[in-house]
Amino acid sequence: MPVFGSWSRACVALIVVLGGVIGGCGGGVEVIREGPDAGVVRYLYKGNNGHLYTSKRDEAFDRIREFCDAPYQVLKEGQTKSRQRVIEGIGGAEVVTEDWWGIRFQCLP
């Protein structure tokens, strides 16, 4: 007997979609390696000056410290390309704009 037994496929699909939305699809912080000792970390934020007042910024610096495992220098910081995506739900479709902030860094010897 299948694990989902009497659950409808629509119900299972809804749970999977909600899990992705609630989970944040990767947490909204990513490191892009540009070499053995350099890279860019970028994170999602909302609104004006939201890049400074989000927990994602702290997480971004944590990821830089993990990457370097030593002192580092911030070379440049700024808004990166935004992304739009469509979220479909019971009430219809909605276009969501994601704003990303980037921090380019260099690990120091």
PDB file of N, CA and C in Angstrom:
ATOM      1  N   MET A   1       0.846  -1.184   0.000  1.00  0.00           N
ATOM      2  CA  MET A   1       0.000   0.000   0.000  1.00  0.00           C
ATOM      3  C   MET A   1       0.887   1.242   0.000  1.00  0.00           C
ATOM      4  N   PRO A   2       0.585   2.256  -0.843  1.00  0.00           N
ATOM      5  CA  PRO A   2       1.389   3.462  -0.890  1.00  0.00           C
ATOM      6  C   PRO A   2       1.358   4.205   0.445  1.00  0.00           C
ATOM      7  N   VAL A   3       2.435   4.948   0.691  1.00  0.00           N
ATOM      8  CA  VAL A   3       2.550   5.703   1.938  1.00  0.00           C
ATOM      9  C   VAL A   3       1.415   6.703   2.090  1.00  0.00           C
ATOM     10  N   PHE A   4       1.012   7.338   0.998  1.00  0.00           N
ATOM     11  CA  PHE A   4      -0.006   8.377   1.066  1.00  0.00           C
ATOM     12  C   PHE A   4      -1.421   7.829   0.994  1.00  0.00           C
ATOM     13  N   GLY A   5      -1.565   6.523   0.905  1.00  0.00           N
ATOM     14  CA  GLY A   5      -2.858   5.844   0.966  1.00  0.00           C
ATOM     15  C   GLY A   5      -3.993   6.594   0.312  1.00  0.00           C
ATOM     16  N   SER A   6      -4.844   7.184   1.132  1.00  0.00           N
ATOM     17  CA  SER A   6      -6.055   7.813   0.610  1.00  0.00           C
ATOM     18  C   SER A   6      -5.875   9.297   0.279  1.00  0.00           C
ATOM     19  N   TRP A   7      -4.678   9.834   0.427  1.00  0.00           N
ATOM     20  CA  TRP A   7      -4.468  11.237   0.102  1.00  0.00           C
ATOM     21  C   TRP A   7      -4.569  11.439  -1.402  1.00  0.00           C
ATOM     22  N   SER A   8      -5.172  12.518  -1.814  1.00  0.00           N
ATOM     23  CA  SER A   8      -5.271  12.798  -3.247  1.00  0.00           C
ATOM     24  C   SER A   8      -3.929  13.330  -3.748  1.00  0.00           C
ATOM     25  N   ARG A   9      -3.708  13.197  -5.021  1.00  0.00           N
ATOM     26  CA  ARG A   9      -2.464  13.715  -5.615  1.00  0.00           C
ATOM     27  C   ARG A   9      -2.386  15.217  -5.466  1.00  0.00           C
ATOM     28  N   ALA A  10      -3.510  15.910  -5.551  1.00  0.00           N
ATOM     29  CA  ALA A  10      -3.523  17.365  -5.403  1.00  0.00           C
ATOM     30  C   ALA A  10      -3.073  17.763  -4.001  1.00  0.00           C
ATOM     31  N   CYS A  11      -3.513  17.022  -2.999  1.00  0.00           N
ATOM     32  CA  CYS A  11      -3.132  17.312  -1.619  1.00  0.00           C
ATOM     33  C   CYS A  11      -1.631  17.115  -1.439  1.00  0.00           C
ATOM     34  N   VAL A  12      -1.091  16.047  -1.966  1.00  0.00           N
ATOM     35  CA  VAL A  12       0.343  15.772  -1.862  1.00  0.00           C
ATOM     36  C   VAL A  12       1.128  16.863  -2.592  1.00  0.00           C
ATOM     37  N   ALA A  13       0.673  17.258  -3.780  1.00  0.00           N
ATOM     38  CA  ALA A  13       1.356  18.300  -4.544  1.00  0.00           C
ATOM     39  C   ALA A  13       1.351  19.617  -3.784  1.00  0.00           C
ATOM     40  N   LEU A  14       0.241  19.947  -3.145  1.00  0.00           N
ATOM     41  CA  LEU A  14       0.152  21.184  -2.372  1.00  0.00           C
ATOM     42  C   LEU A  14       1.141  21.165  -1.211  1.00  0.00           C
ATOM     43  N   ILE A  15       1.271  20.049  -0.550  1.00  0.00           N
ATOM     44  CA  ILE A  15       2.205  19.934   0.574  1.00  0.00           C
ATOM     45  C   ILE A  15       3.641  20.114   0.082  1.00  0.00           C
ATOM     46  N   VAL A  16       3.969  19.537  -1.049  1.00  0.00           N
ATOM     47  CA  VAL A  16       5.320  19.672  -1.607  1.00  0.00           C
ATOM     48  C   VAL A  16       5.611  21.126  -1.956  1.00  0.00           C
ATOM     49  N   VAL A  17       4.651  21.805  -2.597  1.00  0.00           N
ATOM     50  CA  VAL A  17       4.838  23.207  -2.979  1.00  0.00           C
ATOM     51  C   VAL A  17       4.984  24.078  -1.735  1.00  0.00           C
ATOM     52  N   LEU A  18       4.129  23.887  -0.751  1.00  0.00           N
ATOM     53  CA  LEU A  18       4.214  24.679   0.472  1.00  0.00           C
ATOM     54  C   LEU A  18       5.533  24.430   1.187  1.00  0.00           C
ATOM     55  N   GLY A  19       6.010  23.213   1.170  1.00  0.00           N
ATOM     56  CA  GLY A  19       7.300  22.913   1.784  1.00  0.00           C
ATOM     57  C   GLY A  19       8.420  23.692   1.135  1.00  0.00           C
ATOM     58  N   GLY A  20       8.383  23.820  -0.192  1.00  0.00           N
ATOM     59  CA  GLY A  20       9.396  24.596  -0.897  1.00  0.00           C
ATOM     60  C   GLY A  20       9.316  26.074  -0.579  1.00  0.00           C
ATOM     61  N   VAL A  21       8.091  26.605  -0.469  1.00  0.00           N
ATOM     62  CA  VAL A  21       7.920  28.024  -0.156  1.00  0.00           C
ATOM     63  C   VAL A  21       8.353  28.306   1.274  1.00  0.00           C
ATOM     64  N   ILE A  22       7.914  27.497   2.221  1.00  0.00           N
ATOM     65  CA  ILE A  22       8.259  27.703   3.619  1.00  0.00           C
ATOM     66  C   ILE A  22       9.750  27.498   3.833  1.00  0.00           C
ATOM     67  N   GLY A  23      10.317  26.506   3.159  1.00  0.00           N
ATOM     68  CA  GLY A  23      11.740  26.223   3.306  1.00  0.00           C
ATOM     69  C   GLY A  23      12.642  27.283   2.688  1.00  0.00           C
ATOM     70  N   GLY A  24      12.096  28.115   1.829  1.00  0.00           N
ATOM     71  CA  GLY A  24      12.864  29.208   1.256  1.00  0.00           C
ATOM     72  C   GLY A  24      13.776  28.795   0.121  1.00  0.00           C
ATOM     73  N   CYS A  25      13.652  27.581  -0.366  1.00  0.00           N
ATOM     74  CA  CYS A  25      14.425  27.119  -1.512  1.00  0.00           C
ATOM     75  C   CYS A  25      15.914  27.401  -1.343  1.00  0.00           C
ATOM     76  N   GLY A  26      16.511  26.876  -0.304  1.00  0.00           N
ATOM     77  CA  GLY A  26      17.938  27.024  -0.122  1.00  0.00           C
ATOM     78  C   GLY A  26      18.312  28.079   0.901  1.00  0.00           C
ATOM     79  N   GLY A  27      17.366  28.721   1.497  1.00  0.00           N
ATOM     80  CA  GLY A  27      17.653  29.660   2.561  1.00  0.00           C
ATOM     81  C   GLY A  27      17.917  31.081   2.125  1.00  0.00           C
ATOM     82  N   GLY A  28      18.101  31.326   0.832  1.00  0.00           N
ATOM     83  CA  GLY A  28      18.298  32.688   0.369  1.00  0.00           C
ATOM     84  C   GLY A  28      19.702  33.231   0.549  1.00  0.00           C
ATOM     85  N   VAL A  29      20.696  32.384   0.870  1.00  0.00           N
ATOM     86  CA  VAL A  29      22.095  32.800   0.947  1.00  0.00           C
ATOM     87  C   VAL A  29      22.903  31.815   0.114  1.00  0.00           C
ATOM     88  N   GLU A  30      23.709  32.341  -0.803  1.00  0.00           N
ATOM     89  CA  GLU A  30      24.536  31.452  -1.613  1.00  0.00           C
ATOM     90  C   GLU A  30      25.926  32.035  -1.804  1.00  0.00           C
ATOM     91  N   VAL A  31      26.910  31.140  -1.864  1.00  0.00           N
ATOM     92  CA  VAL A  31      28.299  31.526  -2.081  1.00  0.00           C
ATOM     93  C   VAL A  31      28.676  31.114  -3.499  1.00  0.00           C
ATOM     94  N   ILE A  32      29.262  32.048  -4.217  1.00  0.00           N
ATOM     95  CA  ILE A  32      29.730  31.784  -5.578  1.00  0.00           C
ATOM     96  C   ILE A  32      31.257  31.906  -5.553  1.00  0.00           C
ATOM     97  N   ARG A  33      31.928  30.775  -5.736  1.00  0.00           N
ATOM     98  CA  ARG A  33      33.401  30.737  -5.689  1.00  0.00           C
ATOM     99  C   ARG A  33      33.953  31.400  -6.954  1.00  0.00           C
ATOM    100  N   GLU A  34      34.905  32.324  -6.771  1.00  0.00           N
ATOM    101  CA  GLU A  34      35.571  32.978  -7.896  1.00  0.00           C
ATOM    102  C   GLU A  34      37.045  32.606  -7.962  1.00  0.00           C
ATOM    103  N   GLY A  35      37.466  31.702  -7.119  1.00  0.00           N
ATOM    104  CA  GLY A  35      38.848  31.261  -7.063  1.00  0.00           C
ATOM    105  C   GLY A  35      39.064  30.531  -5.750  1.00  0.00           C
ATOM    106  N   PRO A  36      40.274  30.066  -5.504  1.00  0.00           N
ATOM    107  CA  PRO A  36      40.518  29.306  -4.277  1.00  0.00           C
ATOM    108  C   PRO A  36      40.396  30.143  -3.006  1.00  0.00           C
ATOM    109  N   ASP A  37      40.560  31.465  -3.142  1.00  0.00           N
ATOM    110  CA  ASP A  37      40.508  32.315  -1.954  1.00  0.00           C
ATOM    111  C   ASP A  37      39.669  33.577  -2.160  1.00  0.00           C
ATOM    112  N   ALA A  38      38.663  33.480  -3.024  1.00  0.00           N
ATOM    113  CA  ALA A  38      37.811  34.644  -3.284  1.00  0.00           C
ATOM    114  C   ALA A  38      36.439  34.187  -3.758  1.00  0.00           C
ATOM    115  N   GLY A  39      35.485  35.068  -3.588  1.00  0.00           N
ATOM    116  CA  GLY A  39      34.146  34.745  -4.046  1.00  0.00           C
ATOM    117  C   GLY A  39      33.168  35.865  -3.781  1.00  0.00           C
ATOM    118  N   VAL A  40      31.907  35.554  -4.043  1.00  0.00           N
ATOM    119  CA  VAL A  40      30.798  36.466  -3.787  1.00  0.00           C
ATOM    120  C   VAL A  40      29.762  35.693  -3.003  1.00  0.00           C
ATOM    121  N   VAL A  41      29.265  36.297  -1.947  1.00  0.00           N
ATOM    122  CA  VAL A  41      28.136  35.720  -1.243  1.00  0.00           C
ATOM    123  C   VAL A  41      26.962  36.663  -1.505  1.00  0.00           C
ATOM    124  N   ARG A  42      25.818  36.087  -1.814  1.00  0.00           N
ATOM    125  CA  ARG A  42      24.651  36.929  -2.062  1.00  0.00           C
ATOM    126  C   ARG A  42      23.473  36.397  -1.273  1.00  0.00           C
ATOM    127  N   TYR A  43      22.578  37.323  -0.925  1.00  0.00           N
ATOM    128  CA  TYR A  43      21.441  36.933  -0.104  1.00  0.00           C
ATOM    129  C   TYR A  43      20.209  37.736  -0.475  1.00  0.00           C
ATOM    130  N   LEU A  44      19.060  37.132  -0.219  1.00  0.00           N
ATOM    131  CA  LEU A  44      17.776  37.772  -0.461  1.00  0.00           C
ATOM    132  C   LEU A  44      17.489  38.804   0.611  1.00  0.00           C
ATOM    133  N   TYR A  45      16.856  39.906   0.215  1.00  0.00           N
ATOM    134  CA  TYR A  45      16.378  40.889   1.179  1.00  0.00           C
ATOM    135  C   TYR A  45      15.122  41.529   0.632  1.00  0.00           C
ATOM    136  N   LYS A  46      14.427  42.268   1.489  1.00  0.00           N
ATOM    137  CA  LYS A  46      13.193  42.930   1.069  1.00  0.00           C
ATOM    138  C   LYS A  46      13.268  44.416   1.364  1.00  0.00           C
ATOM    139  N   GLY A  47      12.778  45.223   0.425  1.00  0.00           N
ATOM    140  CA  GLY A  47      12.590  46.649   0.650  1.00  0.00           C
ATOM    141  C   GLY A  47      13.851  47.484   0.701  1.00  0.00           C
ATOM    142  N   ASN A  48      13.642  48.789   0.880  1.00  0.00           N
ATOM    143  CA  ASN A  48      14.747  49.736   0.972  1.00  0.00           C
ATOM    144  C   ASN A  48      15.523  49.520   2.263  1.00  0.00           C
ATOM    145  N   ASN A  49      16.837  49.516   2.148  1.00  0.00           N
ATOM    146  CA  ASN A  49      17.748  49.286   3.274  1.00  0.00           C
ATOM    147  C   ASN A  49      17.528  47.949   3.951  1.00  0.00           C
ATOM    148  N   GLY A  50      16.735  47.066   3.357  1.00  0.00           N
ATOM    149  CA  GLY A  50      16.502  45.754   3.933  1.00  0.00           C
ATOM    150  C   GLY A  50      17.754  44.903   3.971  1.00  0.00           C
ATOM    151  N   HIS A  51      18.733  45.207   3.104  1.00  0.00           N
ATOM    152  CA  HIS A  51      19.960  44.418   3.066  1.00  0.00           C
ATOM    153  C   HIS A  51      20.780  44.569   4.340  1.00  0.00           C
ATOM    154  N   LEU A  52      20.596  45.662   5.075  1.00  0.00           N
ATOM    155  CA  LEU A  52      21.353  45.866   6.310  1.00  0.00           C
ATOM    156  C   LEU A  52      20.674  45.273   7.536  1.00  0.00           C
ATOM    157  N   TYR A  53      19.378  45.132   7.481  1.00  0.00           N
ATOM    158  CA  TYR A  53      18.610  44.765   8.681  1.00  0.00           C
ATOM    159  C   TYR A  53      17.960  43.394   8.578  1.00  0.00           C
ATOM    160  N   THR A  54      18.619  42.477   7.914  1.00  0.00           N
ATOM    161  CA  THR A  54      18.083  41.135   7.778  1.00  0.00           C
ATOM    162  C   THR A  54      19.057  40.132   8.393  1.00  0.00           C
ATOM    163  N   SER A  55      18.503  39.061   8.927  1.00  0.00           N
ATOM    164  CA  SER A  55      19.362  38.011   9.490  1.00  0.00           C
ATOM    165  C   SER A  55      20.179  37.334   8.388  1.00  0.00           C
ATOM    166  N   LYS A  56      19.738  37.464   7.146  1.00  0.00           N
ATOM    167  CA  LYS A  56      20.476  36.879   6.023  1.00  0.00           C
ATOM    168  C   LYS A  56      21.866  37.505   5.906  1.00  0.00           C
ATOM    169  N   ARG A  57      22.005  38.789   6.298  1.00  0.00           N
ATOM    170  CA  ARG A  57      23.317  39.445   6.237  1.00  0.00           C
ATOM    171  C   ARG A  57      24.283  38.778   7.210  1.00  0.00           C
ATOM    172  N   ASP A  58      23.812  38.511   8.421  1.00  0.00           N
ATOM    173  CA  ASP A  58      24.654  37.809   9.396  1.00  0.00           C
ATOM    174  C   ASP A  58      25.034  36.428   8.874  1.00  0.00           C
ATOM    175  N   GLU A  59      24.065  35.742   8.275  1.00  0.00           N
ATOM    176  CA  GLU A  59      24.337  34.412   7.715  1.00  0.00           C
ATOM    177  C   GLU A  59      25.348  34.507   6.572  1.00  0.00           C
ATOM    178  N   ALA A  60      25.264  35.572   5.775  1.00  0.00           N
ATOM    179  CA  ALA A  60      26.211  35.755   4.669  1.00  0.00           C
ATOM    180  C   ALA A  60      27.633  35.890   5.196  1.00  0.00           C
ATOM    181  N   PHE A  61      27.814  36.680   6.257  1.00  0.00           N
ATOM    182  CA  PHE A  61      29.157  36.834   6.819  1.00  0.00           C
ATOM    183  C   PHE A  61      29.628  35.550   7.491  1.00  0.00           C
ATOM    184  N   ASP A  62      28.708  34.785   8.055  1.00  0.00           N
ATOM    185  CA  ASP A  62      29.076  33.469   8.596  1.00  0.00           C
ATOM    186  C   ASP A  62      29.608  32.575   7.488  1.00  0.00           C
ATOM    187  N   ARG A  63      28.947  32.618   6.325  1.00  0.00           N
ATOM    188  CA  ARG A  63      29.380  31.785   5.192  1.00  0.00           C
ATOM    189  C   ARG A  63      30.752  32.225   4.674  1.00  0.00           C
ATOM    190  N   ILE A  64      31.023  33.548   4.699  1.00  0.00           N
ATOM    191  CA  ILE A  64      32.344  34.039   4.292  1.00  0.00           C
ATOM    192  C   ILE A  64      33.404  33.511   5.257  1.00  0.00           C
ATOM    193  N   ARG A  65      33.131  33.593   6.561  1.00  0.00           N
ATOM    194  CA  ARG A  65      34.092  33.097   7.560  1.00  0.00           C
ATOM    195  C   ARG A  65      34.339  31.597   7.383  1.00  0.00           C
ATOM    196  N   GLU A  66      33.288  30.828   7.069  1.00  0.00           N
ATOM    197  CA  GLU A  66      33.450  29.390   6.819  1.00  0.00           C
ATOM    198  C   GLU A  66      34.314  29.151   5.577  1.00  0.00           C
ATOM    199  N   PHE A  67      34.071  29.925   4.537  1.00  0.00           N
ATOM    200  CA  PHE A  67      34.799  29.771   3.278  1.00  0.00           C
ATOM    201  C   PHE A  67      36.282  30.058   3.483  1.00  0.00           C
ATOM    202  N   CYS A  68      36.590  31.168   4.168  1.00  0.00           N
ATOM    203  CA  CYS A  68      37.986  31.601   4.314  1.00  0.00           C
ATOM    204  C   CYS A  68      38.712  30.875   5.435  1.00  0.00           C
ATOM    205  N   ASP A  69      38.035  30.592   6.507  1.00  0.00           N
ATOM    206  CA  ASP A  69      38.665  29.989   7.687  1.00  0.00           C
ATOM    207  C   ASP A  69      39.888  30.799   8.109  1.00  0.00           C
ATOM    208  N   ALA A  70      39.845  32.095   7.856  1.00  0.00           N
ATOM    209  CA  ALA A  70      40.926  33.027   8.172  1.00  0.00           C
ATOM    210  C   ALA A  70      40.359  34.438   8.007  1.00  0.00           C
ATOM    211  N   PRO A  71      41.165  35.461   8.255  1.00  0.00           N
ATOM    212  CA  PRO A  71      40.675  36.818   8.011  1.00  0.00           C
ATOM    213  C   PRO A  71      40.319  37.015   6.535  1.00  0.00           C
ATOM    214  N   TYR A  72      39.442  37.969   6.285  1.00  0.00           N
ATOM    215  CA  TYR A  72      39.021  38.258   4.916  1.00  0.00           C
ATOM    216  C   TYR A  72      38.827  39.755   4.766  1.00  0.00           C
ATOM    217  N   GLN A  73      38.741  40.167   3.520  1.00  0.00           N
ATOM    218  CA  GLN A  73      38.514  41.578   3.207  1.00  0.00           C
ATOM    219  C   GLN A  73      37.309  41.676   2.277  1.00  0.00           C
ATOM    220  N   VAL A  74      36.402  42.600   2.568  1.00  0.00           N
ATOM    221  CA  VAL A  74      35.276  42.866   1.680  1.00  0.00           C
ATOM    222  C   VAL A  74      35.778  43.824   0.607  1.00  0.00           C
ATOM    223  N   LEU A  75      35.657  43.412  -0.647  1.00  0.00           N
ATOM    224  CA  LEU A  75      36.149  44.218  -1.761  1.00  0.00           C
ATOM    225  C   LEU A  75      35.079  45.139  -2.326  1.00  0.00           C
ATOM    226  N   LYS A  76      33.862  44.641  -2.368  1.00  0.00           N
ATOM    227  CA  LYS A  76      32.768  45.409  -2.958  1.00  0.00           C
ATOM    228  C   LYS A  76      31.460  44.862  -2.436  1.00  0.00           C
ATOM    229  N   GLU A  77      30.475  45.747  -2.350  1.00  0.00           N
ATOM    230  CA  GLU A  77      29.168  45.337  -1.849  1.00  0.00           C
ATOM    231  C   GLU A  77      28.112  46.115  -2.618  1.00  0.00           C
ATOM    232  N   GLY A  78      27.014  45.463  -2.973  1.00  0.00           N
ATOM    233  CA  GLY A  78      25.952  46.173  -3.671  1.00  0.00           C
ATOM    234  C   GLY A  78      24.835  45.253  -4.119  1.00  0.00           C
ATOM    235  N   GLN A  79      23.795  45.881  -4.670  1.00  0.00           N
ATOM    236  CA  GLN A  79      22.643  45.126  -5.154  1.00  0.00           C
ATOM    237  C   GLN A  79      23.028  44.363  -6.410  1.00  0.00           C
ATOM    238  N   THR A  80      22.591  43.125  -6.479  1.00  0.00           N
ATOM    239  CA  THR A  80      22.826  42.317  -7.673  1.00  0.00           C
ATOM    240  C   THR A  80      21.530  42.247  -8.461  1.00  0.00           C
ATOM    241  N   LYS A  81      21.570  41.563  -9.559  1.00  0.00           N
ATOM    242  CA  LYS A  81      20.403  41.454 -10.429  1.00  0.00           C
ATOM    243  C   LYS A  81      19.220  40.828  -9.689  1.00  0.00           C
ATOM    244  N   SER A  82      18.085  41.480  -9.778  1.00  0.00           N
ATOM    245  CA  SER A  82      16.862  40.946  -9.176  1.00  0.00           C
ATOM    246  C   SER A  82      16.301  39.845 -10.054  1.00  0.00           C
ATOM    247  N   ARG A  83      15.445  39.040  -9.463  1.00  0.00           N
ATOM    248  CA  ARG A  83      14.825  37.942 -10.202  1.00  0.00           C
ATOM    249  C   ARG A  83      13.322  37.982  -9.952  1.00  0.00           C
ATOM    250  N   GLN A  84      12.558  37.748 -10.992  1.00  0.00           N
ATOM    251  CA  GLN A  84      11.110  37.649 -10.843  1.00  0.00           C
ATOM    252  C   GLN A  84      10.693  36.211 -11.067  1.00  0.00           C
ATOM    253  N   ARG A  85       9.742  35.767 -10.267  1.00  0.00           N
ATOM    254  CA  ARG A  85       9.203  34.422 -10.451  1.00  0.00           C
ATOM    255  C   ARG A  85       7.720  34.453 -10.191  1.00  0.00           C
ATOM    256  N   VAL A  86       7.035  33.488 -10.752  1.00  0.00           N
ATOM    257  CA  VAL A  86       5.584  33.390 -10.621  1.00  0.00           C
ATOM    258  C   VAL A  86       5.259  32.300  -9.613  1.00  0.00           C
ATOM    259  N   ILE A  87       4.430  32.660  -8.646  1.00  0.00           N
ATOM    260  CA  ILE A  87       3.958  31.700  -7.659  1.00  0.00           C
ATOM    261  C   ILE A  87       2.478  31.483  -7.923  1.00  0.00           C
ATOM    262  N   GLU A  88       2.124  30.239  -8.176  1.00  0.00           N
ATOM    263  CA  GLU A  88       0.729  29.908  -8.431  1.00  0.00           C
ATOM    264  C   GLU A  88       0.127  29.271  -7.197  1.00  0.00           C
ATOM    265  N   GLY A  89      -1.057  29.720  -6.863  1.00  0.00           N
ATOM    266  CA  GLY A  89      -1.746  29.183  -5.699  1.00  0.00           C
ATOM    267  C   GLY A  89      -3.222  29.029  -5.974  1.00  0.00           C
ATOM    268  N   ILE A  90      -3.943  28.757  -4.927  1.00  0.00           N
ATOM    269  CA  ILE A  90      -5.384  28.553  -5.058  1.00  0.00           C
ATOM    270  C   ILE A  90      -6.071  29.812  -5.558  1.00  0.00           C
ATOM    271  N   GLY A  91      -5.607  30.985  -5.113  1.00  0.00           N
ATOM    272  CA  GLY A  91      -6.228  32.249  -5.504  1.00  0.00           C
ATOM    273  C   GLY A  91      -5.748  32.790  -6.832  1.00  0.00           C
ATOM    274  N   GLY A  92      -4.855  32.112  -7.523  1.00  0.00           N
ATOM    275  CA  GLY A  92      -4.339  32.573  -8.801  1.00  0.00           C
ATOM    276  C   GLY A  92      -2.827  32.668  -8.768  1.00  0.00           C
ATOM    277  N   ALA A  93      -2.282  33.381  -9.742  1.00  0.00           N
ATOM    278  CA  ALA A  93      -0.833  33.522  -9.864  1.00  0.00           C
ATOM    279  C   ALA A  93      -0.403  34.901  -9.382  1.00  0.00           C
ATOM    280  N   GLU A  94       0.803  34.958  -8.829  1.00  0.00           N
ATOM    281  CA  GLU A  94       1.356  36.221  -8.343  1.00  0.00           C
ATOM    282  C   GLU A  94       2.808  36.300  -8.776  1.00  0.00           C
ATOM    283  N   VAL A  95       3.230  37.469  -9.272  1.00  0.00           N
ATOM    284  CA  VAL A  95       4.618  37.681  -9.655  1.00  0.00           C
ATOM    285  C   VAL A  95       5.349  38.269  -8.453  1.00  0.00           C
ATOM    286  N   VAL A  96       6.428  37.609  -8.056  1.00  0.00           N
ATOM    287  CA  VAL A  96       7.218  38.036  -6.906  1.00  0.00           C
ATOM    288  C   VAL A  96       8.593  38.450  -7.400  1.00  0.00           C
ATOM    289  N   THR A  97       9.050  39.638  -6.986  1.00  0.00           N
ATOM    290  CA  THR A  97      10.390  40.102  -7.325  1.00  0.00           C
ATOM    291  C   THR A  97      11.308  39.836  -6.146  1.00  0.00           C
ATOM    292  N   GLU A  98      12.394  39.143  -6.406  1.00  0.00           N
ATOM    293  CA  GLU A  98      13.385  38.844  -5.374  1.00  0.00           C
ATOM    294  C   GLU A  98      14.545  39.817  -5.531  1.00  0.00           C
ATOM    295  N   ASP A  99      14.876  40.524  -4.465  1.00  0.00           N
ATOM    296  CA  ASP A  99      16.012  41.433  -4.462  1.00  0.00           C
ATOM    297  C   ASP A  99      17.184  40.742  -3.784  1.00  0.00           C
ATOM    298  N   TRP A 100      18.352  40.766  -4.440  1.00  0.00           N
ATOM    299  CA  TRP A 100      19.549  40.106  -3.930  1.00  0.00           C
ATOM    300  C   TRP A 100      20.624  41.140  -3.662  1.00  0.00           C
ATOM    301  N   TRP A 101      21.378  40.958  -2.580  1.00  0.00           N
ATOM    302  CA  TRP A 101      22.508  41.812  -2.221  1.00  0.00           C
ATOM    303  C   TRP A 101      23.769  40.961  -2.304  1.00  0.00           C
ATOM    304  N   GLY A 102      24.832  41.504  -2.869  1.00  0.00           N
ATOM    305  CA  GLY A 102      26.072  40.755  -3.034  1.00  0.00           C
ATOM    306  C   GLY A 102      27.230  41.360  -2.274  1.00  0.00           C
ATOM    307  N   ILE A 103      28.094  40.503  -1.757  1.00  0.00           N
ATOM    308  CA  ILE A 103      29.308  40.927  -1.057  1.00  0.00           C
ATOM    309  C   ILE A 103      30.485  40.166  -1.684  1.00  0.00           C
ATOM    310  N   ARG A 104      31.353  40.893  -2.384  1.00  0.00           N
ATOM    311  CA  ARG A 104      32.555  40.274  -2.969  1.00  0.00           C
ATOM    312  C   ARG A 104      33.663  40.326  -1.921  1.00  0.00           C
ATOM    313  N   PHE A 105      34.330  39.202  -1.721  1.00  0.00           N
ATOM    314  CA  PHE A 105      35.328  39.116  -0.657  1.00  0.00           C
ATOM    315  C   PHE A 105      36.585  38.414  -1.136  1.00  0.00           C
ATOM    316  N   GLN A 106      37.677  38.646  -0.391  1.00  0.00           N
ATOM    317  CA  GLN A 106      38.967  38.023  -0.657  1.00  0.00           C
ATOM    318  C   GLN A 106      39.497  37.518   0.676  1.00  0.00           C
ATOM    319  N   CYS A 107      39.870  36.252   0.742  1.00  0.00           N
ATOM    320  CA  CYS A 107      40.477  35.693   1.961  1.00  0.00           C
ATOM    321  C   CYS A 107      41.909  36.235   2.065  1.00  0.00           C
ATOM    322  N   LEU A 108      42.322  36.551   3.290  1.00  0.00           N
ATOM    323  CA  LEU A 108      43.665  37.073   3.523  1.00  0.00           C
ATOM    324  C   LEU A 108      44.562  35.960   4.075  1.00  0.00           C
ATOM    325  N   PRO A 109      45.851  36.035   3.792  1.00  0.00           N
ATOM    326  CA  PRO A 109      46.772  34.991   4.282  1.00  0.00           C
ATOM    327  C   PRO A 109      46.945  35.037   5.795  1.00  0.00           C
TER     328      PRO A 109
END
